[in-house]
Amino acid sequence: MVFTLPYAILTMMGYFNTLPKELDEAVKVDGGSSFVASWRVLVPITILGIVSIGIYTFMLASNFYLL
């Protein structure tokens, strides 16, 4: 966790920064809160990034375990 968590956070932060801000603003215009915007709009869009980071951190953690 010590080695893989910072990498996962930095990578996902960069991935979330590439998403257009208009999606968040459109949810707020429709009356949704920021939680609704992140849970119902942004998370389904970023599911591929979350899965790929999960697989990569699992591989790193398993390699560290073997060492």
PDB file of N, CA and C in Angstrom:
ATOM      1  N   MET A   1       0.816  -1.199   0.000  1.00  0.00           N
ATOM      2  CA  MET A   1       0.000   0.000   0.000  1.00  0.00           C
ATOM      3  C   MET A   1       0.860   1.263   0.000  1.00  0.00           C
ATOM      4  N   VAL A   2       1.985   1.211   0.663  1.00  0.00           N
ATOM      5  CA  VAL A   2       2.827   2.400   0.766  1.00  0.00           C
ATOM      6  C   VAL A   2       3.374   2.796  -0.602  1.00  0.00           C
ATOM      7  N   PHE A   3       3.687   1.843  -1.439  1.00  0.00           N
ATOM      8  CA  PHE A   3       4.266   2.139  -2.743  1.00  0.00           C
ATOM      9  C   PHE A   3       3.205   2.332  -3.819  1.00  0.00           C
ATOM     10  N   THR A   4       2.107   1.633  -3.735  1.00  0.00           N
ATOM     11  CA  THR A   4       1.130   1.670  -4.825  1.00  0.00           C
ATOM     12  C   THR A   4       0.076   2.757  -4.652  1.00  0.00           C
ATOM     13  N   LEU A   5      -0.267   3.114  -3.433  1.00  0.00           N
ATOM     14  CA  LEU A   5      -1.323   4.096  -3.220  1.00  0.00           C
ATOM     15  C   LEU A   5      -0.968   5.483  -3.751  1.00  0.00           C
ATOM     16  N   PRO A   6       0.236   6.004  -3.518  1.00  0.00           N
ATOM     17  CA  PRO A   6       0.553   7.323  -4.107  1.00  0.00           C
ATOM     18  C   PRO A   6       0.505   7.320  -5.631  1.00  0.00           C
ATOM     19  N   TYR A   7       0.975   6.249  -6.243  1.00  0.00           N
ATOM     20  CA  TYR A   7       0.913   6.169  -7.699  1.00  0.00           C
ATOM     21  C   TYR A   7      -0.540   6.150  -8.177  1.00  0.00           C
ATOM     22  N   ALA A   8      -1.376   5.388  -7.506  1.00  0.00           N
ATOM     23  CA  ALA A   8      -2.779   5.303  -7.911  1.00  0.00           C
ATOM     24  C   ALA A   8      -3.477   6.653  -7.735  1.00  0.00           C
ATOM     25  N   ILE A   9      -3.187   7.345  -6.653  1.00  0.00           N
ATOM     26  CA  ILE A   9      -3.821   8.645  -6.420  1.00  0.00           C
ATOM     27  C   ILE A   9      -3.392   9.655  -7.474  1.00  0.00           C
ATOM     28  N   LEU A  10      -2.101   9.721  -7.756  1.00  0.00           N
ATOM     29  CA  LEU A  10      -1.622  10.681  -8.749  1.00  0.00           C
ATOM     30  C   LEU A  10      -2.143  10.367 -10.145  1.00  0.00           C
ATOM     31  N   THR A  11      -2.208   9.110 -10.494  1.00  0.00           N
ATOM     32  CA  THR A  11      -2.704   8.730 -11.816  1.00  0.00           C
ATOM     33  C   THR A  11      -4.189   9.029 -11.955  1.00  0.00           C
ATOM     34  N   MET A  12      -4.966   8.701 -10.939  1.00  0.00           N
ATOM     35  CA  MET A  12      -6.406   8.969 -11.018  1.00  0.00           C
ATOM     36  C   MET A  12      -6.698  10.462 -10.954  1.00  0.00           C
ATOM     37  N   MET A  13      -5.874  11.225 -10.237  1.00  0.00           N
ATOM     38  CA  MET A  13      -6.070  12.662 -10.196  1.00  0.00           C
ATOM     39  C   MET A  13      -5.842  13.258 -11.589  1.00  0.00           C
ATOM     40  N   GLY A  14      -4.824  12.773 -12.275  1.00  0.00           N
ATOM     41  CA  GLY A  14      -4.604  13.216 -13.646  1.00  0.00           C
ATOM     42  C   GLY A  14      -5.715  12.790 -14.576  1.00  0.00           C
ATOM     43  N   TYR A  15      -6.263  11.601 -14.344  1.00  0.00           N
ATOM     44  CA  TYR A  15      -7.361  11.102 -15.173  1.00  0.00           C
ATOM     45  C   TYR A  15      -8.630  11.922 -14.940  1.00  0.00           C
ATOM     46  N   PHE A  16      -8.930  12.252 -13.692  1.00  0.00           N
ATOM     47  CA  PHE A  16     -10.111  13.064 -13.391  1.00  0.00           C
ATOM     48  C   PHE A  16      -9.957  14.491 -13.911  1.00  0.00           C
ATOM     49  N   ASN A  17      -8.738  15.004 -13.970  1.00  0.00           N
ATOM     50  CA  ASN A  17      -8.529  16.359 -14.485  1.00  0.00           C
ATOM     51  C   ASN A  17      -8.758  16.452 -15.983  1.00  0.00           C
ATOM     52  N   THR A  18      -8.715  15.335 -16.696  1.00  0.00           N
ATOM     53  CA  THR A  18      -8.956  15.366 -18.135  1.00  0.00           C
ATOM     54  C   THR A  18     -10.442  15.385 -18.483  1.00  0.00           C
ATOM     55  N   LEU A  19     -11.297  15.093 -17.519  1.00  0.00           N
ATOM     56  CA  LEU A  19     -12.735  15.103 -17.784  1.00  0.00           C
ATOM     57  C   LEU A  19     -13.224  16.534 -17.950  1.00  0.00           C
ATOM     58  N   PRO A  20     -14.181  16.749 -18.844  1.00  0.00           N
ATOM     59  CA  PRO A  20     -14.672  18.116 -19.046  1.00  0.00           C
ATOM     60  C   PRO A  20     -15.465  18.610 -17.835  1.00  0.00           C
ATOM     61  N   LYS A  21     -15.254  19.870 -17.491  1.00  0.00           N
ATOM     62  CA  LYS A  21     -15.958  20.486 -16.353  1.00  0.00           C
ATOM     63  C   LYS A  21     -17.436  20.715 -16.669  1.00  0.00           C
ATOM     64  N   GLU A  22     -17.778  20.684 -17.943  1.00  0.00           N
ATOM     65  CA  GLU A  22     -19.166  20.925 -18.331  1.00  0.00           C
ATOM     66  C   GLU A  22     -20.097  19.831 -17.834  1.00  0.00           C
ATOM     67  N   LEU A  23     -19.589  18.614 -17.652  1.00  0.00           N
ATOM     68  CA  LEU A  23     -20.426  17.536 -17.125  1.00  0.00           C
ATOM     69  C   LEU A  23     -20.875  17.845 -15.703  1.00  0.00           C
ATOM     70  N   ASP A  24     -19.956  18.316 -14.891  1.00  0.00           N
ATOM     71  CA  ASP A  24     -20.289  18.674 -13.513  1.00  0.00           C
ATOM     72  C   ASP A  24     -21.249  19.856 -13.475  1.00  0.00           C
ATOM     73  N   GLU A  25     -21.008  20.834 -14.321  1.00  0.00           N
ATOM     74  CA  GLU A  25     -21.873  22.005 -14.369  1.00  0.00           C
ATOM     75  C   GLU A  25     -23.272  21.647 -14.873  1.00  0.00           C
ATOM     76  N   ALA A  26     -23.379  20.723 -15.813  1.00  0.00           N
ATOM     77  CA  ALA A  26     -24.686  20.319 -16.339  1.00  0.00           C
ATOM     78  C   ALA A  26     -25.517  19.637 -15.264  1.00  0.00           C
ATOM     79  N   VAL A  27     -24.891  18.841 -14.409  1.00  0.00           N
ATOM     80  CA  VAL A  27     -25.632  18.186 -13.317  1.00  0.00           C
ATOM     81  C   VAL A  27     -26.116  19.222 -12.325  1.00  0.00           C
ATOM     82  N   LYS A  28     -25.288  20.206 -12.029  1.00  0.00           N
ATOM     83  CA  LYS A  28     -25.695  21.248 -11.083  1.00  0.00           C
ATOM     84  C   LYS A  28     -26.811  22.112 -11.650  1.00  0.00           C
ATOM     85  N   VAL A  29     -26.818  22.350 -12.962  1.00  0.00           N
ATOM     86  CA  VAL A  29     -27.901  23.109 -13.588  1.00  0.00           C
ATOM     87  C   VAL A  29     -29.204  22.326 -13.501  1.00  0.00           C
ATOM     88  N   ASP A  30     -29.122  21.007 -13.631  1.00  0.00           N
ATOM     89  CA  ASP A  30     -30.318  20.173 -13.541  1.00  0.00           C
ATOM     90  C   ASP A  30     -30.797  19.978 -12.116  1.00  0.00           C
ATOM     91  N   GLY A  31     -30.079  20.501 -11.124  1.00  0.00           N
ATOM     92  CA  GLY A  31     -30.536  20.424  -9.744  1.00  0.00           C
ATOM     93  C   GLY A  31     -29.846  19.360  -8.913  1.00  0.00           C
ATOM     94  N   GLY A  32     -28.821  18.747  -9.406  1.00  0.00           N
ATOM     95  CA  GLY A  32     -28.118  17.713  -8.655  1.00  0.00           C
ATOM     96  C   GLY A  32     -27.002  18.304  -7.812  1.00  0.00           C
ATOM     97  N   SER A  33     -26.660  17.603  -6.752  1.00  0.00           N
ATOM     98  CA  SER A  33     -25.566  18.044  -5.889  1.00  0.00           C
ATOM     99  C   SER A  33     -24.234  17.567  -6.457  1.00  0.00           C
ATOM    100  N   SER A  34     -23.152  17.955  -5.809  1.00  0.00           N
ATOM    101  CA  SER A  34     -21.840  17.517  -6.289  1.00  0.00           C
ATOM    102  C   SER A  34     -21.652  16.022  -6.077  1.00  0.00           C
ATOM    103  N   PHE A  35     -22.295  15.441  -5.035  1.00  0.00           N
ATOM    104  CA  PHE A  35     -22.225  13.998  -4.832  1.00  0.00           C
ATOM    105  C   PHE A  35     -22.926  13.262  -5.969  1.00  0.00           C
ATOM    106  N   VAL A  36     -24.087  13.753  -6.373  1.00  0.00           N
ATOM    107  CA  VAL A  36     -24.821  13.143  -7.494  1.00  0.00           C
ATOM    108  C   VAL A  36     -23.990  13.263  -8.770  1.00  0.00           C
ATOM    109  N   ALA A  37     -23.339  14.403  -8.948  1.00  0.00           N
ATOM    110  CA  ALA A  37     -22.521  14.590 -10.150  1.00  0.00           C
ATOM    111  C   ALA A  37     -21.375  13.602 -10.183  1.00  0.00           C
ATOM    112  N   SER A  38     -20.741  13.402  -9.050  1.00  0.00           N
ATOM    113  CA  SER A  38     -19.603  12.493  -9.056  1.00  0.00           C
ATOM    114  C   SER A  38     -20.040  11.036  -9.097  1.00  0.00           C
ATOM    115  N   TRP A  39     -21.109  10.691  -8.440  1.00  0.00           N
ATOM    116  CA  TRP A  39     -21.500   9.280  -8.357  1.00  0.00           C
ATOM    117  C   TRP A  39     -22.224   8.796  -9.607  1.00  0.00           C
ATOM    118  N   ARG A  40     -23.121   9.584 -10.133  1.00  0.00           N
ATOM    119  CA  ARG A  40     -23.937   9.120 -11.264  1.00  0.00           C
ATOM    120  C   ARG A  40     -23.398   9.500 -12.641  1.00  0.00           C
ATOM    121  N   VAL A  41     -22.493  10.457 -12.691  1.00  0.00           N
ATOM    122  CA  VAL A  41     -21.992  10.895 -13.992  1.00  0.00           C
ATOM    123  C   VAL A  41     -20.509  10.586 -14.151  1.00  0.00           C
ATOM    124  N   LEU A  42     -19.684  11.019 -13.214  1.00  0.00           N
ATOM    125  CA  LEU A  42     -18.242  10.913 -13.388  1.00  0.00           C
ATOM    126  C   LEU A  42     -17.705   9.507 -13.134  1.00  0.00           C
ATOM    127  N   VAL A  43     -18.242   8.787 -12.153  1.00  0.00           N
ATOM    128  CA  VAL A  43     -17.737   7.440 -11.862  1.00  0.00           C
ATOM    129  C   VAL A  43     -18.010   6.470 -13.017  1.00  0.00           C
ATOM    130  N   PRO A  44     -19.212   6.460 -13.625  1.00  0.00           N
ATOM    131  CA  PRO A  44     -19.382   5.557 -14.780  1.00  0.00           C
ATOM    132  C   PRO A  44     -18.469   5.888 -15.954  1.00  0.00           C
ATOM    133  N   ILE A  45     -18.111   7.156 -16.112  1.00  0.00           N
ATOM    134  CA  ILE A  45     -17.208   7.520 -17.198  1.00  0.00           C
ATOM    135  C   ILE A  45     -15.805   7.023 -16.912  1.00  0.00           C
ATOM    136  N   THR A  46     -15.397   7.069 -15.647  1.00  0.00           N
ATOM    137  CA  THR A  46     -14.017   6.725 -15.285  1.00  0.00           C
ATOM    138  C   THR A  46     -13.848   5.285 -14.836  1.00  0.00           C
ATOM    139  N   ILE A  47     -14.825   4.438 -15.052  1.00  0.00           N
ATOM    140  CA  ILE A  47     -14.749   3.057 -14.568  1.00  0.00           C
ATOM    141  C   ILE A  47     -13.580   2.302 -15.216  1.00  0.00           C
ATOM    142  N   LEU A  48     -13.273   2.591 -16.466  1.00  0.00           N
ATOM    143  CA  LEU A  48     -12.136   1.926 -17.112  1.00  0.00           C
ATOM    144  C   LEU A  48     -10.813   2.334 -16.481  1.00  0.00           C
ATOM    145  N   GLY A  49     -10.681   3.597 -16.122  1.00  0.00           N
ATOM    146  CA  GLY A  49      -9.471   4.048 -15.448  1.00  0.00           C
ATOM    147  C   GLY A  49      -9.333   3.448 -14.068  1.00  0.00           C
ATOM    148  N   ILE A  50     -10.450   3.335 -13.345  1.00  0.00           N
ATOM    149  CA  ILE A  50     -10.436   2.752 -12.007  1.00  0.00           C
ATOM    150  C   ILE A  50     -10.046   1.278 -12.074  1.00  0.00           C
ATOM    151  N   VAL A  51     -10.585   0.563 -13.034  1.00  0.00           N
ATOM    152  CA  VAL A  51     -10.269  -0.860 -13.180  1.00  0.00           C
ATOM    153  C   VAL A  51      -8.807  -1.046 -13.579  1.00  0.00           C
ATOM    154  N   SER A  52      -8.320  -0.237 -14.502  1.00  0.00           N
ATOM    155  CA  SER A  52      -6.933  -0.401 -14.935  1.00  0.00           C
ATOM    156  C   SER A  52      -5.953  -0.059 -13.819  1.00  0.00           C
ATOM    157  N   ILE A  53      -6.225   0.956 -13.034  1.00  0.00           N
ATOM    158  CA  ILE A  53      -5.372   1.283 -11.889  1.00  0.00           C
ATOM    159  C   ILE A  53      -5.465   0.188 -10.842  1.00  0.00           C
ATOM    160  N   GLY A  54      -6.636  -0.387 -10.651  1.00  0.00           N
ATOM    161  CA  GLY A  54      -6.787  -1.492  -9.707  1.00  0.00           C
ATOM    162  C   GLY A  54      -5.961  -2.707 -10.108  1.00  0.00           C
ATOM    163  N   ILE A  55      -5.986  -3.035 -11.382  1.00  0.00           N
ATOM    164  CA  ILE A  55      -5.201  -4.177 -11.866  1.00  0.00           C
ATOM    165  C   ILE A  55      -3.709  -3.891 -11.725  1.00  0.00           C
ATOM    166  N   TYR A  56      -3.291  -2.684 -12.077  1.00  0.00           N
ATOM    167  CA  TYR A  56      -1.880  -2.343 -12.001  1.00  0.00           C
ATOM    168  C   TYR A  56      -1.388  -2.345 -10.553  1.00  0.00           C
ATOM    169  N   THR A  57      -2.152  -1.778  -9.633  1.00  0.00           N
ATOM    170  CA  THR A  57      -1.725  -1.772  -8.229  1.00  0.00           C
ATOM    171  C   THR A  57      -1.740  -3.176  -7.652  1.00  0.00           C
ATOM    172  N   PHE A  58      -2.655  -4.019  -8.096  1.00  0.00           N
ATOM    173  CA  PHE A  58      -2.657  -5.404  -7.639  1.00  0.00           C
ATOM    174  C   PHE A  58      -1.397  -6.124  -8.112  1.00  0.00           C
ATOM    175  N   MET A  59      -1.007  -5.888  -9.363  1.00  0.00           N
ATOM    176  CA  MET A  59       0.215  -6.510  -9.867  1.00  0.00           C
ATOM    177  C   MET A  59       1.443  -6.026  -9.106  1.00  0.00           C
ATOM    178  N   LEU A  60       1.513  -4.734  -8.825  1.00  0.00           N
ATOM    179  CA  LEU A  60       2.642  -4.213  -8.059  1.00  0.00           C
ATOM    180  C   LEU A  60       2.668  -4.786  -6.645  1.00  0.00           C
ATOM    181  N   ALA A  61       1.505  -4.842  -6.005  1.00  0.00           N
ATOM    182  CA  ALA A  61       1.441  -5.348  -4.645  1.00  0.00           C
ATOM    183  C   ALA A  61       1.801  -6.834  -4.597  1.00  0.00           C
ATOM    184  N   SER A  62       1.370  -7.597  -5.579  1.00  0.00           N
ATOM    185  CA  SER A  62       1.708  -9.010  -5.577  1.00  0.00           C
ATOM    186  C   SER A  62       3.190  -9.223  -5.833  1.00  0.00           C
ATOM    187  N   ASN A  63       3.797  -8.379  -6.649  1.00  0.00           N
ATOM    188  CA  ASN A  63       5.233  -8.475  -6.873  1.00  0.00           C
ATOM    189  C   ASN A  63       6.018  -8.130  -5.603  1.00  0.00           C
ATOM    190  N   PHE A  64       5.570  -7.109  -4.877  1.00  0.00           N
ATOM    191  CA  PHE A  64       6.230  -6.770  -3.623  1.00  0.00           C
ATOM    192  C   PHE A  64       6.051  -7.871  -2.594  1.00  0.00           C
ATOM    193  N   TYR A  65       4.905  -8.530  -2.626  1.00  0.00           N
ATOM    194  CA  TYR A  65       4.672  -9.631  -1.697  1.00  0.00           C
ATOM    195  C   TYR A  65       5.613 -10.804  -1.981  1.00  0.00           C
ATOM    196  N   LEU A  66       5.828 -11.076  -3.261  1.00  0.00           N
ATOM    197  CA  LEU A  66       6.721 -12.173  -3.623  1.00  0.00           C
ATOM    198  C   LEU A  66       8.170 -11.883  -3.232  1.00  0.00           C
ATOM    199  N   LEU A  67       8.547 -10.626  -3.270  1.00  0.00           N
ATOM    200  CA  LEU A  67       9.912 -10.279  -2.880  1.00  0.00           C
ATOM    201  C   LEU A  67      10.079 -10.443  -1.387  1.00  0.00           C
TER     202      LEU A  67
END
